[in-house]
Structures are given as structure tokens and as C-alpha cells.
Amino acid sequence: ISERTGRTSLFLDGSEFMVSYVGHDGNVY
């Protein structure tokens, strides 16, 4: 879901991006 539009977004095959998340140890990866 786009933070800008609030709508779901479809990504084409091969689209590249960065992912971040909070791990179980509390660190961000």
C-alpha cells in the first residue's frame, strides 16, 4: 500500500526495491 496514495500498488516482474523491518532482536534491518 502506497503511503502517498493509500492505494495498493502492482509491481512488474523484475521490479527492484529496498525492504526494511524490525527484527525479533529489536534491530532494524
PDB file of all heavy atoms in Angstrom:
ATOM      1  N   ILE A   1       0.852  -1.190   0.000  1.00  0.00           N
ATOM      2  CA  ILE A   1       0.000   0.000   0.000  1.00  0.00           C
ATOM      3  C   ILE A   1       0.886   1.238   0.000  1.00  0.00           C
ATOM      4  O   ILE A   1       1.777   1.378   0.835  1.00  0.00           O
ATOM      5  CB  ILE A   1      -0.920   0.028   1.226  1.00  0.00           C
ATOM      6  CG1 ILE A   1      -1.874  -1.175   1.191  1.00  0.00           C
ATOM      7  CG2 ILE A   1      -1.720   1.327   1.287  1.00  0.00           C
ATOM      8  CD1 ILE A   1      -2.750  -1.279   2.425  1.00  0.00           C
ATOM      9  N   SER A   2       0.656   2.124  -0.934  1.00  0.00           N
ATOM     10  CA  SER A   2       1.439   3.350  -1.044  1.00  0.00           C
ATOM     11  C   SER A   2       1.142   4.274   0.132  1.00  0.00           C
ATOM     12  O   SER A   2      -0.024   4.517   0.464  1.00  0.00           O
ATOM     13  CB  SER A   2       1.111   4.071  -2.357  1.00  0.00           C
ATOM     14  OG  SER A   2       1.655   5.374  -2.371  1.00  0.00           O
ATOM     15  N   GLU A   3       2.194   4.793   0.771  1.00  0.00           N
ATOM     16  CA  GLU A   3       1.994   5.757   1.855  1.00  0.00           C
ATOM     17  C   GLU A   3       1.463   7.082   1.321  1.00  0.00           C
ATOM     18  O   GLU A   3       0.824   7.837   2.032  1.00  0.00           O
ATOM     19  CB  GLU A   3       3.312   5.996   2.602  1.00  0.00           C
ATOM     20  CG  GLU A   3       3.797   4.791   3.366  1.00  0.00           C
ATOM     21  CD  GLU A   3       5.055   5.098   4.146  1.00  0.00           C
ATOM     22  OE1 GLU A   3       5.548   6.241   4.060  1.00  0.00           O
ATOM     23  OE2 GLU A   3       5.558   4.195   4.835  1.00  0.00           O
ATOM     24  N   ARG A   4       1.736   7.353   0.072  1.00  0.00           N
ATOM     25  CA  ARG A   4       1.324   8.625  -0.529  1.00  0.00           C
ATOM     26  C   ARG A   4      -0.142   8.625  -0.940  1.00  0.00           C
ATOM     27  O   ARG A   4      -0.873   9.586  -0.680  1.00  0.00           O
ATOM     28  CB  ARG A   4       2.200   8.934  -1.746  1.00  0.00           C
ATOM     29  CG  ARG A   4       1.872  10.242  -2.462  1.00  0.00           C
ATOM     30  CD  ARG A   4       2.888  10.507  -3.573  1.00  0.00           C
ATOM     31  NE  ARG A   4       2.965   9.396  -4.501  1.00  0.00           N
ATOM     32  CZ  ARG A   4       2.121   9.237  -5.529  1.00  0.00           C
ATOM     33  NH1 ARG A   4       1.152  10.110  -5.745  1.00  0.00           N
ATOM     34  NH2 ARG A   4       2.256   8.204  -6.342  1.00  0.00           N
ATOM     35  N   THR A   5      -0.600   7.539  -1.540  1.00  0.00           N
ATOM     36  CA  THR A   5      -1.974   7.494  -2.067  1.00  0.00           C
ATOM     37  C   THR A   5      -2.921   6.658  -1.224  1.00  0.00           C
ATOM     38  O   THR A   5      -4.141   6.803  -1.324  1.00  0.00           O
ATOM     39  CB  THR A   5      -1.977   6.928  -3.494  1.00  0.00           C
ATOM     40  OG1 THR A   5      -1.566   5.542  -3.461  1.00  0.00           O
ATOM     41  CG2 THR A   5      -1.033   7.713  -4.392  1.00  0.00           C
ATOM     42  N   GLY A   6      -2.370   5.744  -0.398  1.00  0.00           N
ATOM     43  CA  GLY A   6      -3.210   4.855   0.387  1.00  0.00           C
ATOM     44  C   GLY A   6      -3.811   3.733  -0.433  1.00  0.00           C
ATOM     45  O   GLY A   6      -4.708   3.024   0.034  1.00  0.00           O
ATOM     46  N   ARG A   7      -3.312   3.526  -1.641  1.00  0.00           N
ATOM     47  CA  ARG A   7      -3.847   2.501  -2.534  1.00  0.00           C
ATOM     48  C   ARG A   7      -2.838   1.370  -2.720  1.00  0.00           C
ATOM     49  O   ARG A   7      -1.638   1.576  -2.598  1.00  0.00           O
ATOM     50  CB  ARG A   7      -4.193   3.104  -3.903  1.00  0.00           C
ATOM     51  CG  ARG A   7      -5.262   4.190  -3.835  1.00  0.00           C
ATOM     52  CD  ARG A   7      -5.481   4.787  -5.219  1.00  0.00           C
ATOM     53  NE  ARG A   7      -6.487   5.836  -5.191  1.00  0.00           N
ATOM     54  CZ  ARG A   7      -6.821   6.584  -6.246  1.00  0.00           C
ATOM     55  NH1 ARG A   7      -6.201   6.388  -7.409  1.00  0.00           N
ATOM     56  NH2 ARG A   7      -7.756   7.510  -6.141  1.00  0.00           N
ATOM     57  N   THR A   8      -3.366   0.176  -3.020  1.00  0.00           N
ATOM     58  CA  THR A   8      -2.473  -0.937  -3.319  1.00  0.00           C
ATOM     59  C   THR A   8      -1.771  -0.685  -4.641  1.00  0.00           C
ATOM     60  O   THR A   8      -2.303  -0.004  -5.523  1.00  0.00           O
ATOM     61  CB  THR A   8      -3.252  -2.261  -3.401  1.00  0.00           C
ATOM     62  OG1 THR A   8      -4.290  -2.137  -4.373  1.00  0.00           O
ATOM     63  CG2 THR A   8      -3.859  -2.609  -2.053  1.00  0.00           C
ATOM     64  N   SER A   9      -0.575  -1.224  -4.760  1.00  0.00           N
ATOM     65  CA  SER A   9       0.227  -0.991  -5.955  1.00  0.00           C
ATOM     66  C   SER A   9       0.687  -2.329  -6.541  1.00  0.00           C
ATOM     67  O   SER A   9       1.021  -3.263  -5.808  1.00  0.00           O
ATOM     68  CB  SER A   9       1.453  -0.134  -5.624  1.00  0.00           C
ATOM     69  OG  SER A   9       1.065   1.110  -5.090  1.00  0.00           O
ATOM     70  N   LEU A  10       0.672  -2.409  -7.855  1.00  0.00           N
ATOM     71  CA  LEU A  10       1.147  -3.593  -8.555  1.00  0.00           C
ATOM     72  C   LEU A  10       2.550  -3.334  -9.087  1.00  0.00           C
ATOM     73  O   LEU A  10       2.792  -2.325  -9.744  1.00  0.00           O
ATOM     74  CB  LEU A  10       0.205  -3.948  -9.713  1.00  0.00           C
ATOM     75  CG  LEU A  10      -1.211  -4.369  -9.318  1.00  0.00           C
ATOM     76  CD1 LEU A  10      -2.043  -4.616 -10.580  1.00  0.00           C
ATOM     77  CD2 LEU A  10      -1.180  -5.612  -8.451  1.00  0.00           C
ATOM     78  N   PHE A  11       3.463  -4.233  -8.780  1.00  0.00           N
ATOM     79  CA  PHE A  11       4.833  -4.113  -9.255  1.00  0.00           C
ATOM     80  C   PHE A  11       5.054  -5.096 -10.399  1.00  0.00           C
ATOM     81  O   PHE A  11       4.638  -6.252 -10.320  1.00  0.00           O
ATOM     82  CB  PHE A  11       5.823  -4.409  -8.127  1.00  0.00           C
ATOM     83  CG  PHE A  11       5.877  -3.354  -7.063  1.00  0.00           C
ATOM     84  CD1 PHE A  11       4.960  -3.344  -6.022  1.00  0.00           C
ATOM     85  CD2 PHE A  11       6.851  -2.374  -7.100  1.00  0.00           C
ATOM     86  CE1 PHE A  11       5.007  -2.378  -5.034  1.00  0.00           C
ATOM     87  CE2 PHE A  11       6.912  -1.401  -6.112  1.00  0.00           C
ATOM     88  CZ  PHE A  11       5.986  -1.396  -5.089  1.00  0.00           C
ATOM     89  N   LEU A  12       5.720  -4.660 -11.432  1.00  0.00           N
ATOM     90  CA  LEU A  12       6.030  -5.524 -12.552  1.00  0.00           C
ATOM     91  C   LEU A  12       7.102  -6.533 -12.160  1.00  0.00           C
ATOM     92  O   LEU A  12       7.933  -6.273 -11.276  1.00  0.00           O
ATOM     93  CB  LEU A  12       6.523  -4.698 -13.747  1.00  0.00           C
ATOM     94  CG  LEU A  12       5.537  -3.683 -14.336  1.00  0.00           C
ATOM     95  CD1 LEU A  12       6.220  -2.883 -15.448  1.00  0.00           C
ATOM     96  CD2 LEU A  12       4.289  -4.381 -14.866  1.00  0.00           C
ATOM     97  N   ASP A  13       7.087  -7.695 -12.790  1.00  0.00           N
ATOM     98  CA  ASP A  13       8.137  -8.686 -12.550  1.00  0.00           C
ATOM     99  C   ASP A  13       9.490  -8.049 -12.857  1.00  0.00           C
ATOM    100  O   ASP A  13       9.658  -7.350 -13.861  1.00  0.00           O
ATOM    101  CB  ASP A  13       7.930  -9.900 -13.450  1.00  0.00           C
ATOM    102  CG  ASP A  13       6.695 -10.706 -13.068  1.00  0.00           C
ATOM    103  OD1 ASP A  13       6.022 -10.316 -12.105  1.00  0.00           O
ATOM    104  OD2 ASP A  13       6.413 -11.708 -13.750  1.00  0.00           O
ATOM    105  N   GLY A  14      10.439  -8.280 -11.963  1.00  0.00           N
ATOM    106  CA  GLY A  14      11.758  -7.698 -12.144  1.00  0.00           C
ATOM    107  C   GLY A  14      11.945  -6.368 -11.434  1.00  0.00           C
ATOM    108  O   GLY A  14      13.065  -5.855 -11.367  1.00  0.00           O
ATOM    109  N   SER A  15      10.853  -5.798 -10.896  1.00  0.00           N
ATOM    110  CA  SER A  15      10.957  -4.539 -10.159  1.00  0.00           C
ATOM    111  C   SER A  15      11.858  -4.733  -8.943  1.00  0.00           C
ATOM    112  O   SER A  15      11.718  -5.704  -8.200  1.00  0.00           O
ATOM    113  CB  SER A  15       9.576  -4.060  -9.706  1.00  0.00           C
ATOM    114  OG  SER A  15       8.728  -3.807 -10.795  1.00  0.00           O
ATOM    115  N   GLU A  16      12.774  -3.805  -8.740  1.00  0.00           N
ATOM    116  CA  GLU A  16      13.703  -3.892  -7.620  1.00  0.00           C
ATOM    117  C   GLU A  16      13.392  -2.812  -6.592  1.00  0.00           C
ATOM    118  O   GLU A  16      12.968  -1.709  -6.948  1.00  0.00           O
ATOM    119  CB  GLU A  16      15.144  -3.741  -8.111  1.00  0.00           C
ATOM    120  CG  GLU A  16      15.575  -4.832  -9.081  1.00  0.00           C
ATOM    121  CD  GLU A  16      17.006  -4.663  -9.550  1.00  0.00           C
ATOM    122  OE1 GLU A  16      17.581  -3.574  -9.329  1.00  0.00           O
ATOM    123  OE2 GLU A  16      17.560  -5.613 -10.115  1.00  0.00           O
ATOM    124  N   PHE A  17      13.589  -3.120  -5.321  1.00  0.00           N
ATOM    125  CA  PHE A  17      13.352  -2.147  -4.264  1.00  0.00           C
ATOM    126  C   PHE A  17      14.089  -2.554  -2.999  1.00  0.00           C
ATOM    127  O   PHE A  17      14.614  -3.663  -2.903  1.00  0.00           O
ATOM    128  CB  PHE A  17      11.853  -1.966  -3.989  1.00  0.00           C
ATOM    129  CG  PHE A  17      11.068  -3.250  -3.903  1.00  0.00           C
ATOM    130  CD1 PHE A  17      11.186  -4.095  -2.820  1.00  0.00           C
ATOM    131  CD2 PHE A  17      10.200  -3.603  -4.926  1.00  0.00           C
ATOM    132  CE1 PHE A  17      10.447  -5.263  -2.729  1.00  0.00           C
ATOM    133  CE2 PHE A  17       9.461  -4.779  -4.862  1.00  0.00           C
ATOM    134  CZ  PHE A  17       9.590  -5.608  -3.761  1.00  0.00           C
ATOM    135  N   MET A  18      14.111  -1.631  -2.027  1.00  0.00           N
ATOM    136  CA  MET A  18      14.703  -1.892  -0.714  1.00  0.00           C
ATOM    137  C   MET A  18      13.596  -2.221   0.277  1.00  0.00           C
ATOM    138  O   MET A  18      12.510  -1.652   0.220  1.00  0.00           O
ATOM    139  CB  MET A  18      15.481  -0.675  -0.216  1.00  0.00           C
ATOM    140  CG  MET A  18      16.725  -0.331  -0.998  1.00  0.00           C
ATOM    141  SD  MET A  18      18.001  -1.624  -0.876  1.00  0.00           S
ATOM    142  CE  MET A  18      18.306  -1.661   0.911  1.00  0.00           C
ATOM    143  N   VAL A  19      13.887  -3.137   1.189  1.00  0.00           N
ATOM    144  CA  VAL A  19      12.932  -3.544   2.218  1.00  0.00           C
ATOM    145  C   VAL A  19      13.564  -3.325   3.590  1.00  0.00           C
ATOM    146  O   VAL A  19      14.750  -3.626   3.783  1.00  0.00           O
ATOM    147  CB  VAL A  19      12.552  -5.028   2.067  1.00  0.00           C
ATOM    148  CG1 VAL A  19      11.649  -5.471   3.209  1.00  0.00           C
ATOM    149  CG2 VAL A  19      11.868  -5.269   0.722  1.00  0.00           C
ATOM    150  N   SER A  20      12.803  -2.799   4.539  1.00  0.00           N
ATOM    151  CA  SER A  20      13.281  -2.663   5.916  1.00  0.00           C
ATOM    152  C   SER A  20      12.234  -3.203   6.868  1.00  0.00           C
ATOM    153  O   SER A  20      11.036  -3.193   6.558  1.00  0.00           O
ATOM    154  CB  SER A  20      13.617  -1.204   6.253  1.00  0.00           C
ATOM    155  OG  SER A  20      12.490  -0.375   6.116  1.00  0.00           O
ATOM    156  N   TYR A  21      12.672  -3.668   8.037  1.00  0.00           N
ATOM    157  CA  TYR A  21      11.750  -4.244   9.029  1.00  0.00           C
ATOM    158  C   TYR A  21      12.454  -4.311  10.377  1.00  0.00           C
ATOM    159  O   TYR A  21      13.684  -4.198  10.471  1.00  0.00           O
ATOM    160  CB  TYR A  21      11.295  -5.636   8.599  1.00  0.00           C
ATOM    161  CG  TYR A  21      12.396  -6.674   8.655  1.00  0.00           C
ATOM    162  CD1 TYR A  21      12.535  -7.528   9.743  1.00  0.00           C
ATOM    163  CD2 TYR A  21      13.319  -6.774   7.615  1.00  0.00           C
ATOM    164  CE1 TYR A  21      13.551  -8.459   9.803  1.00  0.00           C
ATOM    165  CE2 TYR A  21      14.354  -7.698   7.669  1.00  0.00           C
ATOM    166  CZ  TYR A  21      14.463  -8.537   8.762  1.00  0.00           C
ATOM    167  OH  TYR A  21      15.487  -9.440   8.826  1.00  0.00           O
ATOM    168  N   VAL A  22      11.667  -4.494  11.427  1.00  0.00           N
ATOM    169  CA  VAL A  22      12.216  -4.665  12.777  1.00  0.00           C
ATOM    170  C   VAL A  22      12.368  -6.159  13.037  1.00  0.00           C
ATOM    171  O   VAL A  22      11.399  -6.923  12.942  1.00  0.00           O
ATOM    172  CB  VAL A  22      11.289  -4.052  13.841  1.00  0.00           C
ATOM    173  CG1 VAL A  22      11.856  -4.286  15.241  1.00  0.00           C
ATOM    174  CG2 VAL A  22      11.117  -2.561  13.606  1.00  0.00           C
ATOM    175  N   GLY A  23      13.582  -6.591  13.364  1.00  0.00           N
ATOM    176  CA  GLY A  23      13.837  -7.991  13.663  1.00  0.00           C
ATOM    177  C   GLY A  23      13.390  -8.367  15.064  1.00  0.00           C
ATOM    178  O   GLY A  23      13.043  -7.509  15.885  1.00  0.00           O
ATOM    179  N   HIS A  24      13.406  -9.660  15.359  1.00  0.00           N
ATOM    180  CA  HIS A  24      12.986 -10.135  16.680  1.00  0.00           C
ATOM    181  C   HIS A  24      13.897  -9.623  17.789  1.00  0.00           C
ATOM    182  O   HIS A  24      13.525  -9.596  18.963  1.00  0.00           O
ATOM    183  CB  HIS A  24      12.944 -11.662  16.704  1.00  0.00           C
ATOM    184  CG  HIS A  24      14.274 -12.316  16.447  1.00  0.00           C
ATOM    185  ND1 HIS A  24      15.214 -12.483  17.433  1.00  0.00           N
ATOM    186  CD2 HIS A  24      14.825 -12.819  15.315  1.00  0.00           C
ATOM    187  CE1 HIS A  24      16.289 -13.065  16.930  1.00  0.00           C
ATOM    188  NE2 HIS A  24      16.096 -13.277  15.643  1.00  0.00           N
ATOM    189  N   ASP A  25      15.127  -9.206  17.415  1.00  0.00           N
ATOM    190  CA  ASP A  25      16.073  -8.685  18.399  1.00  0.00           C
ATOM    191  C   ASP A  25      15.918  -7.183  18.623  1.00  0.00           C
ATOM    192  O   ASP A  25      16.668  -6.575  19.381  1.00  0.00           O
ATOM    193  CB  ASP A  25      17.509  -8.986  17.973  1.00  0.00           C
ATOM    194  CG  ASP A  25      17.847  -8.420  16.585  1.00  0.00           C
ATOM    195  OD1 ASP A  25      16.974  -7.770  15.973  1.00  0.00           O
ATOM    196  OD2 ASP A  25      18.984  -8.631  16.131  1.00  0.00           O
ATOM    197  N   GLY A  26      14.934  -6.575  17.945  1.00  0.00           N
ATOM    198  CA  GLY A  26      14.693  -5.148  18.118  1.00  0.00           C
ATOM    199  C   GLY A  26      15.477  -4.267  17.172  1.00  0.00           C
ATOM    200  O   GLY A  26      15.263  -3.068  17.116  1.00  0.00           O
ATOM    201  N   ASN A  27      16.414  -4.851  16.418  1.00  0.00           N
ATOM    202  CA  ASN A  27      17.176  -4.074  15.447  1.00  0.00           C
ATOM    203  C   ASN A  27      16.382  -3.898  14.154  1.00  0.00           C
ATOM    204  O   ASN A  27      15.492  -4.689  13.845  1.00  0.00           O
ATOM    205  CB  ASN A  27      18.501  -4.774  15.122  1.00  0.00           C
ATOM    206  CG  ASN A  27      19.477  -4.682  16.268  1.00  0.00           C
ATOM    207  OD1 ASN A  27      19.667  -3.628  16.855  1.00  0.00           O
ATOM    208  ND2 ASN A  27      20.111  -5.803  16.597  1.00  0.00           N
ATOM    209  N   VAL A  28      16.737  -2.878  13.402  1.00  0.00           N
ATOM    210  CA  VAL A  28      16.126  -2.643  12.102  1.00  0.00           C
ATOM    211  C   VAL A  28      17.079  -3.149  11.025  1.00  0.00           C
ATOM    212  O   VAL A  28      18.273  -2.853  11.056  1.00  0.00           O
ATOM    213  CB  VAL A  28      15.828  -1.144  11.888  1.00  0.00           C
ATOM    214  CG1 VAL A  28      15.220  -0.917  10.503  1.00  0.00           C
ATOM    215  CG2 VAL A  28      14.879  -0.640  12.957  1.00  0.00           C
ATOM    216  N   TYR A  29      16.552  -3.921  10.085  1.00  0.00           N
ATOM    217  CA  TYR A  29      17.366  -4.498   9.020  1.00  0.00           C
ATOM    218  C   TYR A  29      16.847  -4.060   7.651  1.00  0.00           C
ATOM    219  O   TYR A  29      15.661  -3.759   7.485  1.00  0.00           O
ATOM    220  CB  TYR A  29      17.348  -6.024   9.100  1.00  0.00           C
ATOM    221  CG  TYR A  29      18.031  -6.567  10.324  1.00  0.00           C
ATOM    222  CD1 TYR A  29      17.331  -6.756  11.512  1.00  0.00           C
ATOM    223  CD2 TYR A  29      19.387  -6.870  10.313  1.00  0.00           C
ATOM    224  CE1 TYR A  29      17.953  -7.240  12.649  1.00  0.00           C
ATOM    225  CE2 TYR A  29      20.023  -7.367  11.442  1.00  0.00           C
ATOM    226  CZ  TYR A  29      19.306  -7.549  12.604  1.00  0.00           C
ATOM    227  OH  TYR A  29      19.925  -8.023  13.725  1.00  0.00           O
TER     228      TYR A  29
END
